[in-house]
PDB file of all heavy atoms in Angstrom:
ATOM      1  N   LYS A   1     -10.302   8.209   7.068  1.00  0.00           N
ATOM      2  CA  LYS A   1      -9.660   6.925   7.205  1.00  0.00           C
ATOM      3  C   LYS A   1      -8.474   6.978   6.308  1.00  0.00           C
ATOM      4  O   LYS A   1      -8.446   7.554   5.298  1.00  0.00           O
ATOM      5  CB  LYS A   1     -10.696   5.876   6.703  1.00  0.00           C
ATOM      6  CG  LYS A   1     -11.767   5.615   7.634  1.00  0.00           C
ATOM      7  CD  LYS A   1     -12.627   4.397   7.177  1.00  0.00           C
ATOM      8  CE  LYS A   1     -13.813   4.038   8.101  1.00  0.00           C
ATOM      9  NZ  LYS A   1     -14.610   2.888   7.520  1.00  0.00           N
ATOM     10  N   PRO A   2      -7.461   6.168   6.737  1.00  0.00           N
ATOM     11  CA  PRO A   2      -6.256   5.903   5.800  1.00  0.00           C
ATOM     12  C   PRO A   2      -6.822   4.992   4.603  1.00  0.00           C
ATOM     13  O   PRO A   2      -7.728   4.339   4.721  1.00  0.00           O
ATOM     14  CB  PRO A   2      -5.269   5.187   6.618  1.00  0.00           C
ATOM     15  CG  PRO A   2      -6.113   4.518   7.738  1.00  0.00           C
ATOM     16  CD  PRO A   2      -7.177   5.451   7.980  1.00  0.00           C
ATOM     17  N   ILE A   3      -6.037   4.988   3.575  1.00  0.00           N
ATOM     18  CA  ILE A   3      -6.494   4.206   2.337  1.00  0.00           C
ATOM     19  C   ILE A   3      -6.793   2.831   2.661  1.00  0.00           C
ATOM     20  O   ILE A   3      -7.932   2.221   2.141  1.00  0.00           O
ATOM     21  CB  ILE A   3      -5.384   4.294   1.283  1.00  0.00           C
ATOM     22  CG1 ILE A   3      -5.263   5.758   0.732  1.00  0.00           C
ATOM     23  CG2 ILE A   3      -5.702   3.259   0.060  1.00  0.00           C
ATOM     24  CD1 ILE A   3      -4.141   5.819  -0.250  1.00  0.00           C
ATOM     25  N   LEU A   4      -5.908   2.124   3.385  1.00  0.00           N
ATOM     26  CA  LEU A   4      -6.105   0.657   3.570  1.00  0.00           C
ATOM     27  C   LEU A   4      -7.202   0.182   4.494  1.00  0.00           C
ATOM     28  O   LEU A   4      -7.547  -0.910   4.580  1.00  0.00           O
ATOM     29  CB  LEU A   4      -4.843   0.040   4.084  1.00  0.00           C
ATOM     30  CG  LEU A   4      -3.536   0.191   3.036  1.00  0.00           C
ATOM     31  CD1 LEU A   4      -2.345  -0.426   3.630  1.00  0.00           C
ATOM     32  CD2 LEU A   4      -3.879  -0.560   1.740  1.00  0.00           C
ATOM     33  N   LYS A   5      -7.850   1.172   5.107  1.00  0.00           N
ATOM     34  CA  LYS A   5      -8.989   0.879   5.998  1.00  0.00           C
ATOM     35  C   LYS A   5     -10.421   1.312   5.332  1.00  0.00           C
ATOM     36  O   LYS A   5     -11.474   1.099   6.023  1.00  0.00           O
ATOM     37  CB  LYS A   5      -8.843   1.653   7.342  1.00  0.00           C
ATOM     38  CG  LYS A   5      -7.751   1.048   8.258  1.00  0.00           C
ATOM     39  CD  LYS A   5      -7.731   1.520   9.692  1.00  0.00           C
ATOM     40  CE  LYS A   5      -6.712   0.864  10.469  1.00  0.00           C
ATOM     41  NZ  LYS A   5      -6.680   1.267  11.777  1.00  0.00           N
ATOM     42  N   LEU A   6     -10.355   1.654   4.188  1.00  0.00           N
ATOM     43  CA  LEU A   6     -11.712   2.060   3.440  1.00  0.00           C
ATOM     44  C   LEU A   6     -12.354   0.659   3.184  1.00  0.00           C
ATOM     45  O   LEU A   6     -11.763  -0.374   2.877  1.00  0.00           O
ATOM     46  CB  LEU A   6     -11.411   2.725   2.125  1.00  0.00           C
ATOM     47  CG  LEU A   6     -10.736   4.175   2.211  1.00  0.00           C
ATOM     48  CD1 LEU A   6     -10.421   4.628   0.790  1.00  0.00           C
ATOM     49  CD2 LEU A   6     -11.823   5.130   2.962  1.00  0.00           C
ATOM     50  N   THR A   7     -13.636   0.735   3.345  1.00  0.00           N
ATOM     51  CA  THR A   7     -14.441  -0.525   3.210  1.00  0.00           C
ATOM     52  C   THR A   7     -15.431  -0.370   2.027  1.00  0.00           C
ATOM     53  O   THR A   7     -15.721   0.672   1.437  1.00  0.00           O
ATOM     54  CB  THR A   7     -15.307  -0.698   4.493  1.00  0.00           C
ATOM     55  OG1 THR A   7     -16.347   0.379   4.589  1.00  0.00           O
ATOM     56  CG2 THR A   7     -14.506  -0.787   5.681  1.00  0.00           C
ATOM     57  N   ASN A   8     -16.020  -1.558   1.722  1.00  0.00           N
ATOM     58  CA  ASN A   8     -17.028  -1.531   0.641  1.00  0.00           C
ATOM     59  C   ASN A   8     -18.199  -0.519   0.920  1.00  0.00           C
ATOM     60  O   ASN A   8     -18.699   0.172   0.003  1.00  0.00           O
ATOM     61  CB  ASN A   8     -17.653  -2.947   0.423  1.00  0.00           C
ATOM     62  CG  ASN A   8     -16.793  -3.959  -0.186  1.00  0.00           C
ATOM     63  OD1 ASN A   8     -15.585  -3.475  -0.506  1.00  0.00           O
ATOM     64  ND2 ASN A   8     -17.201  -5.137  -0.396  1.00  0.00           N
ATOM     65  N   LYS A   9     -18.555  -0.436   2.155  1.00  0.00           N
ATOM     66  CA  LYS A   9     -19.684   0.511   2.637  1.00  0.00           C
ATOM     67  C   LYS A   9     -19.162   1.982   2.369  1.00  0.00           C
ATOM     68  O   LYS A   9     -19.980   2.852   1.800  1.00  0.00           O
ATOM     69  CB  LYS A   9     -19.955   0.342   4.098  1.00  0.00           C
ATOM     70  CG  LYS A   9     -21.077   1.152   4.543  1.00  0.00           C
ATOM     71  CD  LYS A   9     -21.412   0.966   6.074  1.00  0.00           C
ATOM     72  CE  LYS A   9     -22.557   1.746   6.498  1.00  0.00           C
ATOM     73  NZ  LYS A   9     -22.766   1.649   7.986  1.00  0.00           N
ATOM     74  N   ASP A  10     -17.909   2.341   2.598  1.00  0.00           N
ATOM     75  CA  ASP A  10     -17.523   3.675   2.292  1.00  0.00           C
ATOM     76  C   ASP A  10     -17.527   4.018   0.864  1.00  0.00           C
ATOM     77  O   ASP A  10     -18.032   5.182   0.590  1.00  0.00           O
ATOM     78  CB  ASP A  10     -15.937   3.748   2.825  1.00  0.00           C
ATOM     79  CG  ASP A  10     -15.795   3.639   4.228  1.00  0.00           C
ATOM     80  OD1 ASP A  10     -16.750   4.068   5.011  1.00  0.00           O
ATOM     81  OD2 ASP A  10     -14.759   3.098   4.669  1.00  0.00           O
ATOM     82  N   TYR A  11     -17.235   3.024  -0.018  1.00  0.00           N
ATOM     83  CA  TYR A  11     -17.339   3.290  -1.376  1.00  0.00           C
ATOM     84  C   TYR A  11     -18.800   3.483  -1.821  1.00  0.00           C
ATOM     85  O   TYR A  11     -19.045   4.391  -2.591  1.00  0.00           O
ATOM     86  CB  TYR A  11     -16.659   2.095  -2.162  1.00  0.00           C
ATOM     87  CG  TYR A  11     -15.154   2.160  -2.320  1.00  0.00           C
ATOM     88  CD1 TYR A  11     -14.344   1.726  -1.215  1.00  0.00           C
ATOM     89  CD2 TYR A  11     -14.489   2.582  -3.341  1.00  0.00           C
ATOM     90  CE1 TYR A  11     -13.037   1.800  -1.197  1.00  0.00           C
ATOM     91  CE2 TYR A  11     -13.130   2.633  -3.501  1.00  0.00           C
ATOM     92  CZ  TYR A  11     -12.459   2.269  -2.408  1.00  0.00           C
ATOM     93  OH  TYR A  11     -11.012   2.333  -2.556  1.00  0.00           O
ATOM     94  N   SER A  12     -19.638   2.558  -1.479  1.00  0.00           N
ATOM     95  CA  SER A  12     -21.043   2.511  -1.980  1.00  0.00           C
ATOM     96  C   SER A  12     -21.788   3.744  -1.476  1.00  0.00           C
ATOM     97  O   SER A  12     -22.697   4.207  -2.163  1.00  0.00           O
ATOM     98  CB  SER A  12     -21.762   1.240  -1.728  1.00  0.00           C
ATOM     99  OG  SER A  12     -21.715   0.995  -0.163  1.00  0.00           O
ATOM    100  N   GLU A  13     -21.495   4.199  -0.219  1.00  0.00           N
ATOM    101  CA  GLU A  13     -22.324   5.259   0.364  1.00  0.00           C
ATOM    102  C   GLU A  13     -21.860   6.647  -0.184  1.00  0.00           C
ATOM    103  O   GLU A  13     -22.450   7.683   0.041  1.00  0.00           O
ATOM    104  CB  GLU A  13     -22.259   5.258   1.828  1.00  0.00           C
ATOM    105  CG  GLU A  13     -23.054   4.159   2.489  1.00  0.00           C
ATOM    106  CD  GLU A  13     -22.999   4.158   4.013  1.00  0.00           C
ATOM    107  OE1 GLU A  13     -22.330   4.837   4.602  1.00  0.00           O
ATOM    108  OE2 GLU A  13     -23.721   3.382   4.561  1.00  0.00           O
ATOM    109  N   ASN A  14     -20.737   6.745  -0.889  1.00  0.00           N
ATOM    110  CA  ASN A  14     -20.231   7.972  -1.239  1.00  0.00           C
ATOM    111  C   ASN A  14     -19.969   8.091  -2.831  1.00  0.00           C
ATOM    112  O   ASN A  14     -19.007   8.772  -3.206  1.00  0.00           O
ATOM    113  CB  ASN A  14     -18.807   8.222  -0.614  1.00  0.00           C
ATOM    114  CG  ASN A  14     -19.008   8.463   0.918  1.00  0.00           C
ATOM    115  OD1 ASN A  14     -19.615   9.564   1.379  1.00  0.00           O
ATOM    116  ND2 ASN A  14     -18.661   7.502   1.704  1.00  0.00           N
ATOM    117  N   GLY A  15     -20.821   7.393  -3.522  1.00  0.00           N
ATOM    118  CA  GLY A  15     -20.810   7.597  -5.023  1.00  0.00           C
ATOM    119  C   GLY A  15     -19.710   6.844  -5.718  1.00  0.00           C
ATOM    120  O   GLY A  15     -19.594   7.104  -6.921  1.00  0.00           O
ATOM    121  N   LEU A  16     -18.894   5.996  -5.128  1.00  0.00           N
ATOM    122  CA  LEU A  16     -17.925   5.309  -5.727  1.00  0.00           C
ATOM    123  C   LEU A  16     -18.198   3.704  -5.962  1.00  0.00           C
ATOM    124  O   LEU A  16     -17.304   3.039  -6.088  1.00  0.00           O
ATOM    125  CB  LEU A  16     -16.638   5.457  -4.948  1.00  0.00           C
ATOM    126  CG  LEU A  16     -16.124   6.915  -4.963  1.00  0.00           C
ATOM    127  CD1 LEU A  16     -14.871   7.065  -3.954  1.00  0.00           C
ATOM    128  CD2 LEU A  16     -15.724   7.298  -6.397  1.00  0.00           C
ATOM    129  N   GLY A  17     -19.502   3.357  -5.956  1.00  0.00           N
ATOM    130  CA  GLY A  17     -19.830   2.115  -6.308  1.00  0.00           C
ATOM    131  C   GLY A  17     -19.281   1.508  -7.628  1.00  0.00           C
ATOM    132  O   GLY A  17     -19.121   0.320  -7.694  1.00  0.00           O
ATOM    133  N   GLU A  18     -19.094   2.364  -8.531  1.00  0.00           N
ATOM    134  CA  GLU A  18     -18.488   1.842  -9.808  1.00  0.00           C
ATOM    135  C   GLU A  18     -17.187   1.185  -9.659  1.00  0.00           C
ATOM    136  O   GLU A  18     -16.787   0.280 -10.389  1.00  0.00           O
ATOM    137  CB  GLU A  18     -18.376   3.118 -10.752  1.00  0.00           C
ATOM    138  CG  GLU A  18     -19.670   3.555 -11.513  1.00  0.00           C
ATOM    139  CD  GLU A  18     -19.331   4.614 -12.571  1.00  0.00           C
ATOM    140  OE1 GLU A  18     -18.619   5.589 -12.248  1.00  0.00           O
ATOM    141  OE2 GLU A  18     -19.928   4.532 -13.679  1.00  0.00           O
ATOM    142  N   LEU A  19     -16.486   1.758  -8.783  1.00  0.00           N
ATOM    143  CA  LEU A  19     -15.003   1.123  -8.582  1.00  0.00           C
ATOM    144  C   LEU A  19     -15.150  -0.222  -7.911  1.00  0.00           C
ATOM    145  O   LEU A  19     -14.344  -1.148  -8.233  1.00  0.00           O
ATOM    146  CB  LEU A  19     -14.138   2.076  -7.591  1.00  0.00           C
ATOM    147  CG  LEU A  19     -13.732   3.344  -8.231  1.00  0.00           C
ATOM    148  CD1 LEU A  19     -12.956   4.208  -7.272  1.00  0.00           C
ATOM    149  CD2 LEU A  19     -13.017   3.141  -9.513  1.00  0.00           C
ATOM    150  N   LEU A  20     -16.121  -0.458  -7.200  1.00  0.00           N
ATOM    151  CA  LEU A  20     -16.430  -1.813  -6.596  1.00  0.00           C
ATOM    152  C   LEU A  20     -16.727  -2.784  -7.734  1.00  0.00           C
ATOM    153  O   LEU A  20     -16.226  -3.873  -7.779  1.00  0.00           O
ATOM    154  CB  LEU A  20     -17.447  -1.745  -5.542  1.00  0.00           C
ATOM    155  CG  LEU A  20     -17.195  -0.897  -4.273  1.00  0.00           C
ATOM    156  CD1 LEU A  20     -18.359  -1.040  -3.318  1.00  0.00           C
ATOM    157  CD2 LEU A  20     -15.832  -1.421  -3.516  1.00  0.00           C
ATOM    158  N   ALA A  21     -17.564  -2.329  -8.648  1.00  0.00           N
ATOM    159  CA  ALA A  21     -17.978  -3.156  -9.815  1.00  0.00           C
ATOM    160  C   ALA A  21     -16.719  -3.403 -10.641  1.00  0.00           C
ATOM    161  O   ALA A  21     -16.652  -4.522 -11.219  1.00  0.00           O
ATOM    162  CB  ALA A  21     -19.020  -2.424 -10.594  1.00  0.00           C
ATOM    163  N   LEU A  22     -15.844  -2.498 -10.878  1.00  0.00           N
ATOM    164  CA  LEU A  22     -14.664  -2.571 -11.660  1.00  0.00           C
ATOM    165  C   LEU A  22     -13.635  -3.469 -11.109  1.00  0.00           C
ATOM    166  O   LEU A  22     -13.082  -4.347 -11.851  1.00  0.00           O
ATOM    167  CB  LEU A  22     -14.050  -1.278 -12.064  1.00  0.00           C
ATOM    168  CG  LEU A  22     -14.847  -0.324 -13.028  1.00  0.00           C
ATOM    169  CD1 LEU A  22     -14.168   1.041 -13.013  1.00  0.00           C
ATOM    170  CD2 LEU A  22     -14.815  -1.012 -14.432  1.00  0.00           C
ATOM    171  N   TYR A  23     -13.410  -3.420  -9.846  1.00  0.00           N
ATOM    172  CA  TYR A  23     -12.395  -4.263  -9.243  1.00  0.00           C
ATOM    173  C   TYR A  23     -12.745  -5.268  -8.153  1.00  0.00           C
ATOM    174  O   TYR A  23     -11.846  -5.894  -7.648  1.00  0.00           O
ATOM    175  CB  TYR A  23     -11.362  -3.173  -8.489  1.00  0.00           C
ATOM    176  CG  TYR A  23     -10.674  -2.210  -9.516  1.00  0.00           C
ATOM    177  CD1 TYR A  23     -11.191  -1.030  -9.821  1.00  0.00           C
ATOM    178  CD2 TYR A  23      -9.554  -2.678 -10.219  1.00  0.00           C
ATOM    179  CE1 TYR A  23     -10.545  -0.180 -10.759  1.00  0.00           C
ATOM    180  CE2 TYR A  23      -8.907  -1.834 -11.101  1.00  0.00           C
ATOM    181  CZ  TYR A  23      -9.464  -0.639 -11.321  1.00  0.00           C
ATOM    182  OH  TYR A  23      -8.771   0.183 -12.340  1.00  0.00           O
ATOM    183  N   GLY A  24     -14.007  -5.406  -7.968  1.00  0.00           N
ATOM    184  CA  GLY A  24     -14.551  -6.524  -7.175  1.00  0.00           C
ATOM    185  C   GLY A  24     -14.589  -6.158  -5.728  1.00  0.00           C
ATOM    186  O   GLY A  24     -15.533  -6.771  -5.053  1.00  0.00           O
ATOM    187  N   SER A  25     -13.714  -5.399  -5.064  1.00  0.00           N
ATOM    188  CA  SER A  25     -13.888  -5.052  -3.561  1.00  0.00           C
ATOM    189  C   SER A  25     -13.106  -3.838  -3.312  1.00  0.00           C
ATOM    190  O   SER A  25     -12.207  -3.419  -4.048  1.00  0.00           O
ATOM    191  CB  SER A  25     -13.446  -6.287  -2.813  1.00  0.00           C
ATOM    192  OG  SER A  25     -11.974  -6.366  -2.939  1.00  0.00           O
ATOM    193  N   ALA A  26     -13.407  -3.247  -2.148  1.00  0.00           N
ATOM    194  CA  ALA A  26     -12.600  -2.167  -1.704  1.00  0.00           C
ATOM    195  C   ALA A  26     -11.127  -2.556  -1.403  1.00  0.00           C
ATOM    196  O   ALA A  26     -10.200  -1.712  -1.764  1.00  0.00           O
ATOM    197  CB  ALA A  26     -13.188  -1.674  -0.391  1.00  0.00           C
ATOM    198  N   TYR A  27     -10.900  -3.738  -1.066  1.00  0.00           N
ATOM    199  CA  TYR A  27      -9.550  -4.224  -0.697  1.00  0.00           C
ATOM    200  C   TYR A  27      -8.700  -4.018  -2.053  1.00  0.00           C
ATOM    201  O   TYR A  27      -7.547  -3.564  -1.934  1.00  0.00           O
ATOM    202  CB  TYR A  27      -9.496  -5.588  -0.207  1.00  0.00           C
ATOM    203  CG  TYR A  27      -8.214  -6.234   0.078  1.00  0.00           C
ATOM    204  CD1 TYR A  27      -7.505  -5.884   1.184  1.00  0.00           C
ATOM    205  CD2 TYR A  27      -7.582  -7.023  -1.023  1.00  0.00           C
ATOM    206  CE1 TYR A  27      -6.206  -6.457   1.398  1.00  0.00           C
ATOM    207  CE2 TYR A  27      -6.329  -7.586  -0.762  1.00  0.00           C
ATOM    208  CZ  TYR A  27      -5.635  -7.250   0.403  1.00  0.00           C
ATOM    209  OH  TYR A  27      -4.383  -7.678   0.657  1.00  0.00           O
ATOM    210  N   ASN A  28      -9.194  -4.497  -3.125  1.00  0.00           N
ATOM    211  CA  ASN A  28      -8.454  -4.625  -4.328  1.00  0.00           C
ATOM    212  C   ASN A  28      -8.016  -3.104  -4.786  1.00  0.00           C
ATOM    213  O   ASN A  28      -6.981  -2.847  -5.285  1.00  0.00           O
ATOM    214  CB  ASN A  28      -9.209  -5.272  -5.480  1.00  0.00           C
ATOM    215  CG  ASN A  28      -9.419  -6.703  -5.139  1.00  0.00           C
ATOM    216  OD1 ASN A  28      -8.620  -7.306  -4.465  1.00  0.00           O
ATOM    217  ND2 ASN A  28     -10.304  -7.326  -5.806  1.00  0.00           N
ATOM    218  N   VAL A  29      -9.054  -2.237  -4.680  1.00  0.00           N
ATOM    219  CA  VAL A  29      -8.770  -0.829  -5.023  1.00  0.00           C
ATOM    220  C   VAL A  29      -7.762  -0.176  -4.044  1.00  0.00           C
ATOM    221  O   VAL A  29      -6.896   0.499  -4.456  1.00  0.00           O
ATOM    222  CB  VAL A  29     -10.128  -0.012  -5.013  1.00  0.00           C
ATOM    223  CG1 VAL A  29      -9.879   1.416  -5.645  1.00  0.00           C
ATOM    224  CG2 VAL A  29     -11.232  -0.713  -5.828  1.00  0.00           C
ATOM    225  N   ASN A  30      -7.979  -0.358  -2.751  1.00  0.00           N
ATOM    226  CA  ASN A  30      -7.049   0.164  -1.725  1.00  0.00           C
ATOM    227  C   ASN A  30      -5.650  -0.184  -2.042  1.00  0.00           C
ATOM    228  O   ASN A  30      -4.708   0.653  -1.978  1.00  0.00           O
ATOM    229  CB  ASN A  30      -7.574  -0.346  -0.338  1.00  0.00           C
ATOM    230  CG  ASN A  30      -8.944   0.158   0.035  1.00  0.00           C
ATOM    231  OD1 ASN A  30      -9.549   1.014  -0.643  1.00  0.00           O
ATOM    232  ND2 ASN A  30      -9.462  -0.376   1.080  1.00  0.00           N
ATOM    233  N   ILE A  31      -5.419  -1.510  -2.145  1.00  0.00           N
ATOM    234  CA  ILE A  31      -4.033  -1.938  -2.396  1.00  0.00           C
ATOM    235  C   ILE A  31      -3.439  -1.291  -3.633  1.00  0.00           C
ATOM    236  O   ILE A  31      -2.228  -0.835  -3.616  1.00  0.00           O
ATOM    237  CB  ILE A  31      -3.986  -3.559  -2.612  1.00  0.00           C
ATOM    238  CG1 ILE A  31      -4.229  -4.032  -1.154  1.00  0.00           C
ATOM    239  CG2 ILE A  31      -2.678  -3.954  -3.150  1.00  0.00           C
ATOM    240  CD1 ILE A  31      -3.176  -3.886  -0.186  1.00  0.00           C
ATOM    241  N   ARG A  32      -4.188  -1.284  -4.736  1.00  0.00           N
ATOM    242  CA  ARG A  32      -3.715  -0.764  -6.014  1.00  0.00           C
ATOM    243  C   ARG A  32      -3.359   0.808  -5.816  1.00  0.00           C
ATOM    244  O   ARG A  32      -2.315   1.189  -6.147  1.00  0.00           O
ATOM    245  CB  ARG A  32      -4.759  -0.840  -7.042  1.00  0.00           C
ATOM    246  CG  ARG A  32      -4.289  -0.204  -8.385  1.00  0.00           C
ATOM    247  CD  ARG A  32      -5.336  -0.339  -9.504  1.00  0.00           C
ATOM    248  NE  ARG A  32      -5.013   0.432 -10.666  1.00  0.00           N
ATOM    249  CZ  ARG A  32      -5.482   0.258 -11.794  1.00  0.00           C
ATOM    250  NH1 ARG A  32      -6.182  -0.793 -12.012  1.00  0.00           N
ATOM    251  NH2 ARG A  32      -5.116   1.036 -12.850  1.00  0.00           N
ATOM    252  N   VAL A  33      -4.188   1.548  -5.262  1.00  0.00           N
ATOM    253  CA  VAL A  33      -3.940   2.978  -5.051  1.00  0.00           C
ATOM    254  C   VAL A  33      -2.813   3.259  -4.113  1.00  0.00           C
ATOM    255  O   VAL A  33      -1.872   4.071  -4.287  1.00  0.00           O
ATOM    256  CB  VAL A  33      -5.289   3.668  -4.641  1.00  0.00           C
ATOM    257  CG1 VAL A  33      -4.962   5.191  -4.185  1.00  0.00           C
ATOM    258  CG2 VAL A  33      -6.354   3.607  -5.692  1.00  0.00           C
ATOM    259  N   PHE A  34      -2.842   2.461  -2.972  1.00  0.00           N
ATOM    260  CA  PHE A  34      -1.776   2.607  -1.913  1.00  0.00           C
ATOM    261  C   PHE A  34      -0.393   2.332  -2.542  1.00  0.00           C
ATOM    262  O   PHE A  34       0.560   3.066  -2.344  1.00  0.00           O
ATOM    263  CB  PHE A  34      -2.030   1.549  -0.763  1.00  0.00           C
ATOM    264  CG  PHE A  34      -0.898   1.712   0.279  1.00  0.00           C
ATOM    265  CD1 PHE A  34      -0.986   2.563   1.303  1.00  0.00           C
ATOM    266  CD2 PHE A  34       0.176   0.865   0.219  1.00  0.00           C
ATOM    267  CE1 PHE A  34      -0.096   2.739   2.292  1.00  0.00           C
ATOM    268  CE2 PHE A  34       1.159   0.879   1.223  1.00  0.00           C
ATOM    269  CZ  PHE A  34       1.035   1.867   2.308  1.00  0.00           C
ATOM    270  N   ASN A  35      -0.241   1.363  -3.337  1.00  0.00           N
ATOM    271  CA  ASN A  35       0.997   1.062  -4.037  1.00  0.00           C
ATOM    272  C   ASN A  35       1.369   2.061  -4.947  1.00  0.00           C
ATOM    273  O   ASN A  35       2.569   2.570  -5.156  1.00  0.00           O
ATOM    274  CB  ASN A  35       0.908  -0.325  -4.780  1.00  0.00           C
ATOM    275  CG  ASN A  35       0.990  -1.462  -3.726  1.00  0.00           C
ATOM    276  OD1 ASN A  35       1.440  -1.252  -2.632  1.00  0.00           O
ATOM    277  ND2 ASN A  35       0.469  -2.661  -4.213  1.00  0.00           N
ATOM    278  N   ASP A  36       0.415   2.617  -5.708  1.00  0.00           N
ATOM    279  CA  ASP A  36       0.608   3.682  -6.700  1.00  0.00           C
ATOM    280  C   ASP A  36       1.165   4.904  -5.994  1.00  0.00           C
ATOM    281  O   ASP A  36       2.191   5.529  -6.515  1.00  0.00           O
ATOM    282  CB  ASP A  36      -0.556   4.108  -7.496  1.00  0.00           C
ATOM    283  CG  ASP A  36      -0.950   3.012  -8.590  1.00  0.00           C
ATOM    284  OD1 ASP A  36      -0.069   2.196  -8.832  1.00  0.00           O
ATOM    285  OD2 ASP A  36      -1.986   3.095  -9.137  1.00  0.00           O
ATOM    286  N   ILE A  37       0.595   5.251  -4.936  1.00  0.00           N
ATOM    287  CA  ILE A  37       0.991   6.528  -4.321  1.00  0.00           C
ATOM    288  C   ILE A  37       2.347   6.309  -3.531  1.00  0.00           C
ATOM    289  O   ILE A  37       3.243   7.199  -3.535  1.00  0.00           O
ATOM    290  CB  ILE A  37      -0.260   7.003  -3.287  1.00  0.00           C
ATOM    291  CG1 ILE A  37      -1.249   7.414  -4.060  1.00  0.00           C
ATOM    292  CG2 ILE A  37       0.354   8.182  -2.396  1.00  0.00           C
ATOM    293  CD1 ILE A  37      -2.506   7.953  -3.094  1.00  0.00           C
ATOM    294  N   GLN A  38       2.554   5.121  -3.045  1.00  0.00           N
ATOM    295  CA  GLN A  38       3.792   4.847  -2.422  1.00  0.00           C
ATOM    296  C   GLN A  38       4.960   4.989  -3.294  1.00  0.00           C
ATOM    297  O   GLN A  38       6.075   5.496  -2.941  1.00  0.00           O
ATOM    298  CB  GLN A  38       3.759   3.405  -1.831  1.00  0.00           C
ATOM    299  CG  GLN A  38       5.016   3.000  -0.974  1.00  0.00           C
ATOM    300  CD  GLN A  38       4.843   1.617  -0.410  1.00  0.00           C
ATOM    301  OE1 GLN A  38       4.583   0.638  -1.193  1.00  0.00           O
ATOM    302  NE2 GLN A  38       5.050   1.545   0.933  1.00  0.00           N
ATOM    303  N   HIS A  39       4.799   4.613  -4.624  1.00  0.00           N
ATOM    304  CA  HIS A  39       5.918   4.681  -5.577  1.00  0.00           C
ATOM    305  C   HIS A  39       6.221   6.166  -5.978  1.00  0.00           C
ATOM    306  O   HIS A  39       7.236   6.462  -6.668  1.00  0.00           O
ATOM    307  CB  HIS A  39       5.514   3.886  -6.781  1.00  0.00           C
ATOM    308  CG  HIS A  39       5.691   2.401  -6.563  1.00  0.00           C
ATOM    309  ND1 HIS A  39       4.691   1.544  -6.823  1.00  0.00           N
ATOM    310  CD2 HIS A  39       6.827   1.747  -6.239  1.00  0.00           C
ATOM    311  CE1 HIS A  39       5.171   0.331  -6.483  1.00  0.00           C
ATOM    312  NE2 HIS A  39       6.425   0.420  -6.093  1.00  0.00           N
ATOM    313  N   THR A  40       5.350   7.070  -5.663  1.00  0.00           N
ATOM    314  CA  THR A  40       5.603   8.492  -5.971  1.00  0.00           C
ATOM    315  C   THR A  40       6.523   9.219  -4.947  1.00  0.00           C
ATOM    316  O   THR A  40       6.961  10.322  -5.230  1.00  0.00           O
ATOM    317  CB  THR A  40       4.261   9.285  -6.049  1.00  0.00           C
ATOM    318  OG1 THR A  40       3.704   9.435  -4.799  1.00  0.00           O
ATOM    319  CG2 THR A  40       3.263   8.637  -6.970  1.00  0.00           C
TER     320      THR A  40
END
């Protein structure tokens, strides 16, 4: 999947549930990482 289509389920089923706890939702993490990479 592309970054912006990752879901909470994708995170939790693949060992990245910690990021959901830190940022609240997959959407918040996706947007942050997408913007970071776009700027590179």
